[in-house]
């Protein structure tokens, strides 16, 4: 999309760039915000982009949530509810090639704040895919084909990772867009059973016309409690065996900012994509700010190892984006966030929200908790605020509650009044979300005062790790851990310890490995898998017995008498 004047935007008709030339035209971004169903919507993309400093050369490339191509093509209401680039919406065929006045530009793909942007579709019919893509091509930089979704709904719909056996259809889907769109087409795939087969699969996708290939280092069956580790070595194998001009993005095992460079170094990829890591910490693509002065938004731990963005600060920033960029109205006026130094400097003598705090680390929250709300019948009779239920069909508003449960996960685990208040929030009820923010600020204040009183409580070193877990970690360290970053194939202990922050600081969620999930009983295996595991265990036991037998025989030979020569009567038992 180009600017034809200062007040209008229109499609370009010139020849499009593809492959590495296209990637370089975007600024060669290294940081990639993954497509996530109902979670990588406009406001969350803006929140993530807001942490990218102005002098950061690594621009952020973001993907839209996955959209269903057939429904997007056929249903006006589906288009209007899931992709909102203009105020008039994508109602008819004319909007595919229309010149758009700048004043009509709204949310998705807005050149002022939401670029570069790729729009992802799931599809299994080339014509559905093409017609759906034509609606969005004026408002994005590329269209992506989802070949990685492993969920049951993708199996039933025959799309995502369940197309990976149908290489002819995949070729048709990608090639149709490559030949008929004004912008490039890209694809996101998962690893197959072997590196060699994954390479063949990648070549099919690239030969069809995909300009960029994103590879998730997990296989299709790795989901839920069986998510396990992504295999970076598969991505490295592709990098070494595909043409050097291939643009390759790596996905998997990205929990912290430091993991991004580690993944780039190991895989040789051009960029690194993060999904779940971004949901728990939207600042994941940005380096930590320099400790020039004390910040009300960023928590600096005394040892420098447990620093991070405060949850109440990120929560505020997120709400302000909703107000300013989605609802297009100023956010409420709020007091500065609390810092322990405020009490020492006497800045809050007359403050209503912080005056009850005590320096001994036992503050009393003065905000309204969920269980202090009036009875339900009385609440129904109250007049809702002007903002309540303003635009309940906007994805950015519908996604607020799920996002906040991810963002506040460690906090709500222990502060049940925050959890309960958030659970009661409905889309568009901004009074309720403001109340959750107040509760979060009060809880964060408690945590900061507790840290001031006893910082050693938040050391999170090996002293706070069980002896059994420490042993599992040390046994599993080595080459595998180096290749997978902070991960080990045997234990998640190292990853948990490396990612742990105080509960009021944004931090990644480390999923238990499948072996750990089985031990804890949170994952059950089917009969076929149990039979396979039993057979592996029997083979391992047999191998161990044979090895022990050989060791005993070797010792007997050293002693000068073979065990077979000892008479049965000479063997004493007990």
Protein backbone atom coordinates (compact mmCIF):
# COMPACT_ATOMS: atom_id res chain seq x y z
CA UNK A 1 0.00 0.00 0.00
CA UNK A 2 1.34 3.43 -0.95
CA UNK A 3 0.35 7.00 -0.20
CA UNK A 4 -1.12 8.64 -3.29
CA UNK A 5 -1.60 11.88 -1.37
CA UNK A 6 -1.49 12.90 2.26
CA UNK A 7 -5.14 11.99 2.64
CA UNK A 8 -5.58 8.75 0.68
CA UNK A 9 -4.06 5.28 0.54
CA UNK A 10 -4.27 2.83 -2.34
CA UNK A 11 -2.90 -0.42 -3.63
CA UNK A 12 0.31 -0.44 -5.63
CA UNK A 13 0.14 -1.93 -9.11
CA UNK A 14 3.89 -2.21 -9.62
CA UNK A 15 5.69 -5.55 -9.59
CA UNK A 16 5.93 -6.95 -6.09
CA UNK A 17 9.08 -7.89 -4.24
CA UNK A 18 9.50 -11.49 -3.09
CA UNK A 19 11.91 -13.54 -1.02
CA UNK A 20 14.91 -11.84 0.53
CA UNK A 21 14.34 -8.59 -1.38
CA UNK A 22 10.89 -8.36 0.19
CA UNK A 23 12.27 -9.19 3.65
CA UNK A 24 14.93 -6.50 3.34
CA UNK A 25 12.30 -3.97 2.24
CA UNK A 26 10.64 -4.47 5.65
CA UNK A 27 13.90 -3.62 7.42
CA UNK A 28 14.99 -7.27 7.92
CA UNK A 29 13.16 -7.63 11.26
CA UNK A 30 14.63 -10.16 13.69
CA UNK A 31 11.73 -10.12 16.16
CA UNK A 32 8.48 -11.80 15.09
CA UNK A 33 5.19 -11.73 17.02
CA UNK A 34 3.47 -15.03 16.22
CA UNK A 35 -0.07 -15.49 14.92
CA UNK A 36 -2.26 -16.61 17.83
CA UNK A 37 -5.97 -17.41 17.60
CA UNK A 38 -7.89 -14.47 19.16
CA UNK A 39 -4.71 -13.34 20.93
CA UNK A 40 -2.43 -11.45 18.51
CA UNK A 41 -5.07 -8.81 17.82
CA UNK A 42 -4.48 -5.09 17.23
CA UNK A 43 -4.24 -3.81 20.83
CA UNK A 44 -1.89 -6.60 21.90
CA UNK A 45 0.30 -5.98 18.86
CA UNK A 46 0.47 -2.30 19.82
CA UNK A 47 1.33 -3.19 23.41
CA UNK A 48 4.17 -5.42 22.21
CA UNK A 49 5.40 -2.79 19.76
CA UNK A 50 5.35 -0.15 22.52
CA UNK A 51 8.33 -1.84 24.21
CA UNK A 52 10.48 -1.57 21.08
CA UNK A 53 12.71 1.41 21.78
CA UNK A 54 13.04 4.08 19.11
CA UNK A 55 16.76 3.38 18.68
CA UNK A 56 16.26 -0.38 18.45
CA UNK A 57 17.33 -1.44 14.93
CA UNK A 58 15.39 -4.70 15.17
CA UNK A 59 11.89 -3.74 14.10
CA UNK A 60 9.02 -5.96 15.14
CA UNK A 61 7.09 -7.90 12.52
CA UNK A 62 3.66 -8.96 13.78
CA UNK A 63 1.09 -11.47 12.54
CA UNK A 64 -2.67 -11.21 12.86
CA UNK A 65 -4.64 -13.96 14.61
CA UNK A 66 -5.38 -16.92 12.37
CA UNK A 67 -8.49 -16.28 10.26
CA UNK A 68 -10.66 -18.91 8.58
CA UNK A 69 -10.41 -18.27 4.83
CA UNK A 70 -13.78 -19.71 3.79
CA UNK A 71 -15.71 -17.91 6.52
CA UNK A 72 -13.81 -14.69 5.85
CA UNK A 73 -14.69 -14.89 2.16
CA UNK A 74 -18.35 -15.80 2.60
CA UNK A 75 -19.51 -13.87 5.67
CA UNK A 76 -19.57 -10.09 5.95
CA UNK A 77 -20.15 -10.18 9.68
CA UNK A 78 -17.15 -12.48 10.18
CA UNK A 79 -14.91 -10.05 8.27
CA UNK A 80 -16.23 -7.06 10.22
CA UNK A 81 -15.75 -8.78 13.58
CA UNK A 82 -12.25 -10.13 12.96
CA UNK A 83 -10.41 -7.63 10.78
CA UNK A 84 -11.09 -3.91 11.06
CA UNK A 85 -8.70 -1.85 8.93
CA UNK A 86 -11.30 0.83 8.10
CA UNK A 87 -14.24 2.40 9.87
CA UNK A 88 -16.59 1.24 7.13
CA UNK A 89 -15.42 -2.35 7.36
CA UNK A 90 -14.88 -4.95 4.63
CA UNK A 91 -18.48 -5.27 3.59
CA UNK A 92 -18.40 -5.84 -0.16
CA UNK A 93 -16.23 -6.72 -3.15
CA UNK A 94 -15.44 -3.08 -3.93
CA UNK A 95 -13.34 -2.69 -0.78
CA UNK A 96 -10.77 -5.15 -2.20
CA UNK A 97 -9.30 -2.55 -4.54
CA UNK A 98 -10.73 0.71 -3.27
CA UNK A 99 -8.73 3.84 -2.55
CA UNK A 100 -9.08 4.48 1.18
CA UNK A 101 -9.18 8.00 2.65
CA UNK A 102 -6.70 8.34 5.49
CA UNK A 103 -9.51 9.45 7.79
CA UNK A 104 -11.24 6.08 7.27
CA UNK A 105 -8.25 3.99 8.36
CA UNK A 106 -8.93 2.44 11.75
CA UNK A 107 -7.18 -0.48 13.45
CA UNK A 108 -5.63 -3.48 11.68
CA UNK A 109 -2.70 -2.64 9.42
CA UNK A 110 -2.84 1.09 10.09
CA UNK A 111 0.39 2.51 8.58
CA UNK A 112 0.84 4.84 11.54
CA UNK A 113 1.24 2.14 14.19
CA UNK A 114 0.60 -1.43 12.97
CA UNK A 115 3.22 -2.24 10.35
CA UNK A 116 4.82 -4.44 9.25
CA UNK A 117 1.88 -6.84 9.48
CA UNK A 118 1.25 -10.29 7.99
CA UNK A 119 -2.31 -11.62 7.95
CA UNK A 120 -2.60 -15.38 8.48
CA UNK A 121 -5.33 -17.65 7.15
CA UNK A 122 -6.10 -21.32 7.53
CA UNK A 123 -7.40 -22.75 4.25
CA UNK A 124 -7.78 -25.91 2.22
CA UNK A 125 -9.35 -24.47 -0.92
CA UNK A 126 -7.21 -22.27 -3.21
CA UNK A 127 -10.11 -20.09 -4.36
CA UNK A 128 -11.34 -19.45 -0.81
CA UNK A 129 -7.80 -18.57 0.18
CA UNK A 130 -7.33 -16.19 -2.75
CA UNK A 131 -10.63 -14.35 -2.36
CA UNK A 132 -10.14 -13.95 1.39
CA UNK A 133 -6.59 -12.66 0.83
CA UNK A 134 -7.82 -10.05 -1.65
CA UNK A 135 -9.87 -8.42 1.10
CA UNK A 136 -6.83 -7.86 3.32
CA UNK A 137 -4.04 -7.24 0.79
CA UNK A 138 -4.51 -3.42 0.83
CA UNK A 139 -3.94 -3.40 4.59
CA UNK A 140 -0.99 -5.72 5.21
CA UNK A 141 2.47 -6.56 3.90
CA UNK A 142 1.97 -10.28 3.21
CA UNK A 143 -0.55 -13.11 3.59
CA UNK A 144 0.49 -16.24 5.48
CA UNK A 145 -0.79 -19.81 5.19
CA UNK A 146 -1.18 -21.67 8.47
CA UNK A 147 0.31 -25.16 8.15
CA UNK A 148 1.09 -25.55 11.84
CA UNK A 149 -2.15 -25.61 13.86
CA UNK A 150 -2.22 -29.01 15.67
CA UNK A 151 -5.60 -28.66 17.41
CA UNK A 152 -8.58 -30.97 17.00
CA UNK A 153 -10.61 -28.33 15.17
CA UNK A 154 -7.89 -28.20 12.51
CA UNK A 155 -8.09 -31.98 12.13
CA UNK A 156 -11.87 -31.82 11.68
CA UNK A 157 -11.60 -28.92 9.24
CA UNK A 158 -8.66 -30.40 7.34
CA UNK A 159 -6.36 -27.42 7.63
CA UNK A 160 -3.28 -26.31 9.55
CA UNK A 161 -0.85 -29.12 10.39
CA UNK A 162 -3.34 -31.69 9.07
CA UNK A 163 -2.58 -30.63 5.50
CA UNK A 164 1.06 -31.63 5.81
CA UNK A 165 0.51 -35.00 4.10
CA UNK A 166 -1.19 -33.34 1.10
CA UNK A 167 1.76 -31.64 -0.58
CA UNK A 168 -0.07 -31.13 -3.89
CA UNK A 169 -2.83 -29.15 -2.22
CA UNK A 170 -0.33 -27.08 -0.26
CA UNK A 171 1.47 -26.26 -3.48
CA UNK A 172 -1.82 -25.19 -5.11
CA UNK A 173 -2.79 -22.98 -2.15
CA UNK A 174 0.52 -21.12 -2.08
CA UNK A 175 1.06 -20.92 -5.83
CA UNK A 176 -2.45 -19.52 -6.42
CA UNK A 177 -1.71 -16.57 -4.16
CA UNK A 178 1.82 -16.17 -5.45
CA UNK A 179 0.45 -15.75 -9.00
CA UNK A 180 -2.61 -13.62 -8.21
CA UNK A 181 -1.88 -11.35 -5.21
CA UNK A 182 -0.19 -7.96 -5.27
CA UNK A 183 1.70 -8.83 -2.09
CA UNK A 184 3.84 -11.86 -1.19
CA UNK A 185 2.58 -15.09 0.33
CA UNK A 186 4.39 -16.81 3.22
CA UNK A 187 3.85 -20.02 5.21
CA UNK A 188 4.31 -21.39 8.71
CA UNK A 189 4.94 -25.14 9.12
CA UNK A 190 5.90 -27.71 11.75
CA UNK A 191 8.75 -30.20 11.75
CA UNK A 192 8.02 -33.68 10.40
CA UNK A 193 9.26 -37.06 11.67
CA UNK A 194 12.79 -36.71 10.29
CA UNK A 195 15.05 -33.85 9.26
CA UNK A 196 15.24 -35.20 5.73
CA UNK A 197 11.46 -35.29 5.30
CA UNK A 198 11.14 -31.84 6.84
CA UNK A 199 13.60 -30.56 4.24
CA UNK A 200 11.57 -32.09 1.39
CA UNK A 201 8.42 -30.53 2.81
CA UNK A 202 10.07 -27.10 3.07
CA UNK A 203 11.25 -27.31 -0.55
CA UNK A 204 7.67 -27.98 -1.72
CA UNK A 205 6.44 -24.86 0.11
CA UNK A 206 9.23 -22.67 -1.22
CA UNK A 207 8.91 -23.96 -4.79
CA UNK A 208 5.22 -22.99 -4.73
CA UNK A 209 6.18 -19.36 -4.19
CA UNK A 210 6.42 -18.76 -0.44
CA UNK A 211 8.64 -15.72 0.19
CA UNK A 212 9.29 -16.49 3.86
CA UNK A 213 9.16 -19.82 5.67
CA UNK A 214 8.55 -20.04 9.42
CA UNK A 215 9.45 -23.40 10.99
CA UNK A 216 8.09 -24.46 14.37
CA UNK A 217 10.59 -26.94 15.78
CA UNK A 218 7.85 -29.13 17.29
CA UNK A 219 5.95 -31.88 15.55
CA UNK A 220 2.19 -32.05 15.14
CA UNK A 221 1.55 -34.25 18.17
CA UNK A 222 3.46 -31.91 20.50
CA UNK A 223 0.68 -29.92 22.13
CA UNK A 224 -0.92 -29.44 25.53
CA UNK A 225 0.91 -31.37 28.26
CA UNK A 226 2.84 -33.14 25.51
CA UNK A 227 4.27 -29.88 24.15
CA UNK A 228 7.82 -30.72 25.16
CA UNK A 229 10.79 -29.07 23.47
CA UNK A 230 11.15 -27.58 20.03
CA UNK A 231 14.09 -29.07 18.15
CA UNK A 232 16.34 -26.22 17.01
CA UNK A 233 18.64 -28.68 15.22
CA UNK A 234 15.90 -29.31 12.62
CA UNK A 235 15.81 -25.60 11.79
CA UNK A 236 19.61 -25.54 11.60
CA UNK A 237 19.48 -28.48 9.19
CA UNK A 238 17.10 -26.54 6.95
CA UNK A 239 19.32 -23.48 7.10
CA UNK A 240 22.32 -25.52 5.96
CA UNK A 241 20.50 -27.33 3.17
CA UNK A 242 18.18 -24.69 1.69
CA UNK A 243 19.44 -22.02 -0.71
CA UNK A 244 21.13 -19.15 1.18
CA UNK A 245 18.62 -16.62 -0.18
CA UNK A 246 15.80 -18.43 1.67
CA UNK A 247 14.30 -16.28 4.44
CA UNK A 248 13.80 -18.51 7.46
CA UNK A 249 12.07 -17.75 10.76
CA UNK A 250 12.52 -20.02 13.81
CA UNK A 251 9.76 -20.71 16.35
CA UNK A 252 9.87 -22.60 19.66
CA UNK A 253 11.54 -22.49 23.11
CA UNK A 254 11.51 -18.66 23.28
CA UNK A 255 10.78 -17.70 26.87
CA UNK A 256 13.00 -14.64 27.46
CA UNK A 257 14.72 -11.90 25.50
CA UNK A 258 18.05 -13.73 25.90
CA UNK A 259 16.61 -16.80 24.13
CA UNK A 260 16.17 -14.83 20.91
CA UNK A 261 19.87 -14.36 20.27
CA UNK A 262 20.58 -17.92 21.42
CA UNK A 263 18.10 -19.21 18.86
CA UNK A 264 19.56 -17.03 16.10
CA UNK A 265 23.05 -18.32 16.90
CA UNK A 266 22.08 -22.00 16.99
CA UNK A 267 19.65 -22.12 14.07
CA UNK A 268 21.12 -19.51 11.74
CA UNK A 269 17.57 -18.25 11.11
CA UNK A 270 16.88 -14.72 9.89
CA UNK A 271 14.29 -14.01 12.58
CA UNK A 272 12.82 -15.54 15.73
CA UNK A 273 9.10 -15.86 16.45
CA UNK A 274 7.52 -16.01 19.90
CA UNK A 275 3.92 -16.88 20.79
CA UNK A 276 3.32 -18.08 24.34
CA UNK A 277 6.37 -16.28 25.69
CA UNK A 278 4.89 -13.01 24.45
CA UNK A 279 1.52 -13.67 26.08
CA UNK A 280 3.08 -13.82 29.54
CA UNK A 281 5.60 -11.04 28.92
CA UNK A 282 4.80 -8.65 26.04
CA UNK A 283 8.22 -6.99 26.50
CA UNK A 284 10.00 -10.20 25.42
CA UNK A 285 11.33 -8.66 22.18
CA UNK A 286 12.93 -5.67 23.88
CA UNK A 287 16.15 -5.54 25.93
CA UNK A 288 15.74 -4.42 29.55
CA UNK A 289 16.04 -0.66 30.08
CA UNK A 290 19.27 0.72 31.48
CA UNK A 291 19.30 1.30 35.20
CA UNK A 292 19.91 5.04 35.01
CA UNK A 293 17.30 5.95 37.59
CA UNK A 294 14.62 4.26 39.63
CA UNK A 295 11.57 3.51 37.49
CA UNK A 296 7.96 3.21 38.52
CA UNK A 297 7.32 0.86 35.59
CA UNK A 298 10.35 -1.42 35.74
CA UNK A 299 11.46 -3.39 38.79
CA UNK A 300 15.23 -3.58 39.29
CA UNK A 301 16.15 -6.41 41.67
CA UNK A 302 19.15 -5.87 43.92
CA UNK A 303 21.11 -8.73 42.36
CA UNK A 304 20.14 -7.68 38.84
CA UNK A 305 18.97 -11.21 38.00
CA UNK A 306 15.24 -10.95 38.75
CA UNK A 307 14.39 -7.63 37.14
CA UNK A 308 11.41 -7.09 34.86
CA UNK A 309 8.43 -4.95 33.97
CA UNK A 310 5.93 -4.53 36.79
CA UNK A 311 2.55 -6.11 36.11
CA UNK A 312 0.61 -3.06 37.24
CA UNK A 313 2.62 -0.86 34.84
CA UNK A 314 2.06 -3.18 31.86
CA UNK A 315 -1.62 -3.51 32.82
CA UNK A 316 -1.94 0.30 32.79
CA UNK A 317 -0.15 0.59 29.46
CA UNK A 318 -2.44 -2.05 27.95
CA UNK A 319 -5.61 -0.30 29.16
CA UNK A 320 -4.34 3.06 27.92
CA UNK A 321 -3.83 1.58 24.44
CA UNK A 322 -7.40 0.30 24.48
CA UNK A 323 -8.70 3.74 25.46
CA UNK A 324 -6.56 5.83 23.11
CA UNK A 325 -6.15 3.64 20.01
CA UNK A 326 -9.29 1.49 20.03
CA UNK A 327 -11.96 3.60 21.74
CA UNK A 328 -10.22 6.82 20.67
CA UNK A 329 -10.73 8.68 23.93
CA UNK A 330 -8.37 9.75 26.69
CA UNK A 331 -7.67 7.25 29.47
CA UNK A 332 -8.70 8.06 33.07
CA UNK A 333 -6.34 10.22 35.10
CA UNK A 334 -4.39 8.08 37.54
CA UNK A 335 -1.88 8.67 40.30
CA UNK A 336 1.75 7.65 39.79
CA UNK A 337 2.48 4.01 40.53
CA UNK A 338 3.79 3.28 44.01
CA UNK A 339 7.47 3.01 44.86
CA UNK A 340 8.83 2.23 48.34
CA UNK A 341 10.88 5.42 48.18
CA UNK A 342 7.62 7.41 48.16
CA UNK A 343 7.07 6.53 51.80
CA UNK A 344 10.59 7.39 52.79
CA UNK A 345 10.37 10.73 51.03
CA UNK A 346 6.95 11.50 52.48
CA UNK A 347 5.32 11.93 49.09
CA UNK A 348 2.14 10.06 49.97
CA UNK A 349 1.11 11.64 53.23
CA UNK A 350 -2.19 12.70 51.73
CA UNK A 351 -2.58 9.88 49.18
CA UNK A 352 -5.78 7.86 49.47
CA UNK A 353 -4.55 4.75 47.69
CA UNK A 354 -1.24 4.31 49.54
CA UNK A 355 -1.64 5.99 52.92
CA UNK A 356 -2.35 2.73 54.74
CA UNK A 357 0.98 1.15 53.81
CA UNK A 358 3.42 0.34 56.57
CA UNK A 359 7.16 0.09 56.25
CA UNK A 360 7.18 -3.27 58.01
CA UNK A 361 5.90 -4.87 54.81
CA UNK A 362 2.31 -5.49 55.95
CA UNK A 363 0.23 -3.03 53.93
CA UNK A 364 -3.55 -2.90 53.84
CA UNK A 365 -5.25 -2.55 50.47
CA UNK A 366 -7.92 0.13 50.37
CA UNK A 367 -9.37 -0.67 46.94
CA UNK A 368 -12.59 -2.55 46.38
CA UNK A 369 -12.07 -6.30 46.28
CA UNK A 370 -14.33 -8.67 44.38
CA UNK A 371 -16.02 -9.93 47.53
CA UNK A 372 -16.73 -6.33 48.65
CA UNK A 373 -18.98 -5.64 45.68
CA UNK A 374 -22.69 -5.04 46.30
CA UNK A 375 -25.10 -7.98 45.88
CA UNK A 376 -25.75 -9.08 42.32
CA UNK A 377 -29.34 -7.77 42.23
CA UNK A 378 -28.19 -4.32 43.30
CA UNK A 379 -25.40 -4.36 40.73
CA UNK A 380 -27.89 -5.08 37.95
CA UNK A 381 -29.92 -2.04 38.92
CA UNK A 382 -26.94 0.29 38.81
CA UNK A 383 -26.47 2.42 35.69
CA UNK A 384 -23.51 1.15 33.65
CA UNK A 385 -20.67 3.52 32.84
CA UNK A 386 -20.58 5.27 29.48
CA UNK A 387 -17.81 2.98 28.27
CA UNK A 388 -19.52 -0.26 29.25
CA UNK A 389 -20.37 -2.49 26.28
CA UNK A 390 -19.34 0.33 23.91
CA UNK A 391 -18.06 -1.90 21.09
CA UNK A 392 -18.29 -5.52 22.24
CA UNK A 393 -17.50 -6.98 18.82
CA UNK A 394 -14.02 -5.46 18.54
CA UNK A 395 -11.42 -8.25 18.93
CA UNK A 396 -9.16 -6.00 21.04
CA UNK A 397 -11.92 -5.66 23.64
CA UNK A 398 -13.04 -9.28 23.53
CA UNK A 399 -9.45 -10.45 24.17
CA UNK A 400 -8.84 -8.34 27.28
CA UNK A 401 -9.78 -10.88 29.94
CA UNK A 402 -7.79 -13.81 28.45
CA UNK A 403 -4.76 -11.57 27.99
CA UNK A 404 -4.88 -10.38 31.59
CA UNK A 405 -5.12 -13.92 32.95
CA UNK A 406 -1.90 -14.69 31.05
CA UNK A 407 -0.19 -11.47 32.07
CA UNK A 408 -1.13 -11.75 35.77
CA UNK A 409 -0.74 -15.52 36.11
CA UNK A 410 1.79 -15.56 39.02
CA UNK A 411 -0.09 -12.76 40.80
CA UNK A 412 -3.59 -14.26 40.62
CA UNK A 413 -2.22 -17.61 41.80
CA UNK A 414 -1.81 -16.13 45.29
CA UNK A 415 -4.01 -13.00 45.20
CA UNK A 416 -7.41 -14.58 44.83
CA UNK A 417 -9.27 -11.27 45.17
CA UNK A 418 -7.62 -10.19 41.90
CA UNK A 419 -8.40 -13.53 40.27
CA UNK A 420 -12.06 -13.41 41.29
CA UNK A 421 -12.51 -9.80 40.19
CA UNK A 422 -10.95 -10.54 36.80
CA UNK A 423 -13.13 -13.64 36.37
CA UNK A 424 -16.23 -11.44 36.77
CA UNK A 425 -15.18 -8.98 34.06
CA UNK A 426 -17.22 -8.90 30.88
CA UNK A 427 -16.14 -7.56 27.51
CA UNK A 428 -16.63 -3.80 27.49
CA UNK A 429 -17.13 -3.41 31.26
CA UNK A 430 -14.30 -0.96 31.80
CA UNK A 431 -15.31 -0.13 35.36
CA UNK A 432 -14.68 -3.78 36.22
CA UNK A 433 -11.27 -3.79 34.50
CA UNK A 434 -10.32 -0.54 36.26
CA UNK A 435 -11.18 -2.23 39.56
CA UNK A 436 -8.91 -5.18 38.67
CA UNK A 437 -6.16 -2.67 37.88
CA UNK A 438 -6.60 -1.05 41.31
CA UNK A 439 -6.40 -4.44 42.99
CA UNK A 440 -3.30 -5.28 40.96
CA UNK A 441 -1.64 -2.01 41.97
CA UNK A 442 -2.41 -2.70 45.64
CA UNK A 443 -1.02 -6.25 45.38
CA UNK A 444 2.12 -4.99 43.62
CA UNK A 445 2.60 -2.48 46.41
CA UNK A 446 2.45 -5.30 48.95
CA UNK A 447 5.05 -7.22 47.00
CA UNK A 448 7.41 -4.24 46.73
CA UNK A 449 7.23 -3.56 50.47
CA UNK A 450 7.77 -7.24 51.19
CA UNK A 451 10.84 -7.20 48.95
CA UNK A 452 12.17 -4.13 50.77
CA UNK A 453 11.76 -5.92 54.09
CA UNK A 454 13.22 -9.27 53.00
CA UNK A 455 14.92 -9.34 49.56
CA UNK A 456 16.50 -12.74 50.24
CA UNK A 457 13.04 -14.29 50.01
CA UNK A 458 13.14 -13.62 46.27
CA UNK A 459 16.64 -14.98 45.57
CA UNK A 460 15.23 -18.09 43.78
CA UNK A 461 18.62 -19.80 43.83
CA UNK A 462 19.39 -23.51 44.27
CA UNK A 463 18.67 -23.16 47.98
CA UNK A 464 15.00 -22.91 47.03
CA UNK A 465 15.14 -25.96 44.75
CA UNK A 466 14.59 -29.48 46.00
CA UNK A 467 17.59 -31.83 46.12
CA UNK A 468 15.83 -34.22 43.72
CA UNK A 469 15.22 -31.46 41.17
CA UNK A 470 18.80 -30.22 41.47
CA UNK A 471 20.05 -33.72 40.77
CA UNK A 472 17.86 -34.10 37.71
CA UNK A 473 19.12 -30.77 36.39
CA UNK A 474 22.82 -31.57 36.85
CA UNK A 475 22.42 -35.01 35.29
CA UNK A 476 20.75 -33.53 32.21
CA UNK A 477 23.13 -30.63 31.60
CA UNK A 478 25.44 -30.76 28.60
CA UNK A 479 25.16 -30.66 24.82
CA UNK A 480 21.37 -31.03 24.71
CA UNK A 481 20.91 -28.08 27.06
CA UNK A 482 23.32 -25.95 25.04
CA UNK A 483 21.41 -26.61 21.84
CA UNK A 484 18.02 -25.91 23.37
CA UNK A 485 18.99 -22.76 25.29
CA UNK A 486 17.99 -22.99 28.95
CA UNK A 487 16.00 -26.17 28.31
CA UNK A 488 16.94 -29.72 29.12
CA UNK A 489 15.24 -32.81 27.74
CA UNK A 490 15.14 -34.37 31.21
CA UNK A 491 14.01 -31.56 33.50
CA UNK A 492 12.47 -28.09 33.37
CA UNK A 493 14.16 -27.09 36.64
CA UNK A 494 16.86 -24.99 34.99
CA UNK A 495 14.31 -23.16 32.85
CA UNK A 496 12.04 -22.47 35.83
CA UNK A 497 14.94 -21.15 37.89
CA UNK A 498 16.25 -18.96 35.05
CA UNK A 499 12.82 -17.44 34.35
CA UNK A 500 11.61 -16.99 37.92
CA UNK A 501 10.75 -13.43 38.98
CA UNK A 502 8.90 -11.94 41.93
CA UNK A 503 5.20 -12.60 41.54
CA UNK A 504 4.37 -8.97 40.67
CA UNK A 505 6.85 -8.91 37.75
CA UNK A 506 6.00 -10.11 34.21
CA UNK A 507 7.58 -13.50 33.59
CA UNK A 508 7.25 -16.51 31.27
CA UNK A 509 5.32 -19.62 32.13
CA UNK A 510 7.47 -22.75 31.89
CA UNK A 511 5.41 -25.77 30.92
CA UNK A 512 6.35 -29.06 32.60
CA UNK A 513 8.00 -31.50 30.22
CA UNK A 514 5.87 -34.52 29.20
CA UNK A 515 7.87 -36.79 31.53
CA UNK A 516 7.18 -34.45 34.45
CA UNK A 517 3.50 -34.13 33.53
CA UNK A 518 3.20 -37.93 33.55
CA UNK A 519 4.88 -38.15 36.94
CA UNK A 520 2.51 -35.56 38.39
CA UNK A 521 -0.54 -37.24 36.86
CA UNK A 522 -1.53 -34.16 34.84
CA UNK A 523 -1.14 -36.08 31.56
CA UNK A 524 -2.53 -39.48 30.68
CA UNK A 525 -1.30 -41.63 27.81
CA UNK A 526 -3.32 -43.85 25.52
CA UNK A 527 -3.09 -47.62 25.27
CA UNK A 528 -0.92 -47.56 22.15
CA UNK A 529 1.53 -45.10 23.67
CA UNK A 530 1.58 -47.01 26.97
CA UNK A 531 2.37 -50.24 25.10
CA UNK A 532 5.22 -48.51 23.28
CA UNK A 533 6.63 -47.06 26.51
CA UNK A 534 6.37 -50.45 28.25
CA UNK A 535 8.29 -52.06 25.38
CA UNK A 536 11.00 -49.36 25.57
CA UNK A 537 11.23 -49.82 29.34
CA UNK A 538 11.56 -53.61 28.94
CA UNK A 539 14.33 -53.18 26.38
CA UNK A 540 16.11 -50.72 28.66
CA UNK A 541 15.82 -53.15 31.61
CA UNK A 542 17.18 -56.02 29.50
CA UNK A 543 20.06 -53.88 28.33
CA UNK A 544 20.84 -52.87 31.90
CA UNK A 545 20.79 -56.52 33.07
CA UNK A 546 23.11 -57.59 30.26
CA UNK A 547 25.50 -54.79 31.10
CA UNK A 548 25.53 -55.74 34.79
CA UNK A 549 26.12 -59.39 33.90
CA UNK A 550 29.11 -58.44 31.74
CA UNK A 551 30.53 -56.29 34.53
CA UNK A 552 30.19 -59.16 37.06
CA UNK A 553 31.87 -61.60 34.68
CA UNK A 554 34.69 -59.15 34.12
CA UNK A 555 35.21 -58.83 37.88
CA UNK A 556 35.20 -62.63 38.28
CA UNK A 557 37.87 -62.97 35.63
CA UNK A 558 39.98 -60.39 37.47
CA UNK A 559 39.53 -62.40 40.70
CA UNK A 560 40.79 -65.51 38.95
CA UNK A 561 37.61 -67.60 39.03
CA UNK A 562 34.72 -67.52 36.62
CA UNK A 563 31.29 -67.40 38.23
CA UNK A 564 30.24 -70.44 36.17
CA UNK A 565 32.97 -72.52 37.91
CA UNK A 566 31.59 -71.94 41.41
CA UNK A 567 29.64 -74.94 42.72
CA UNK A 568 26.05 -74.35 43.68
CA UNK A 569 26.67 -75.67 47.21
CA UNK A 570 29.30 -72.98 47.75
CA UNK A 571 26.87 -70.12 47.16
CA UNK A 572 25.59 -68.85 50.52
CA UNK A 573 22.43 -66.82 50.65
CA UNK A 574 21.19 -64.52 53.39
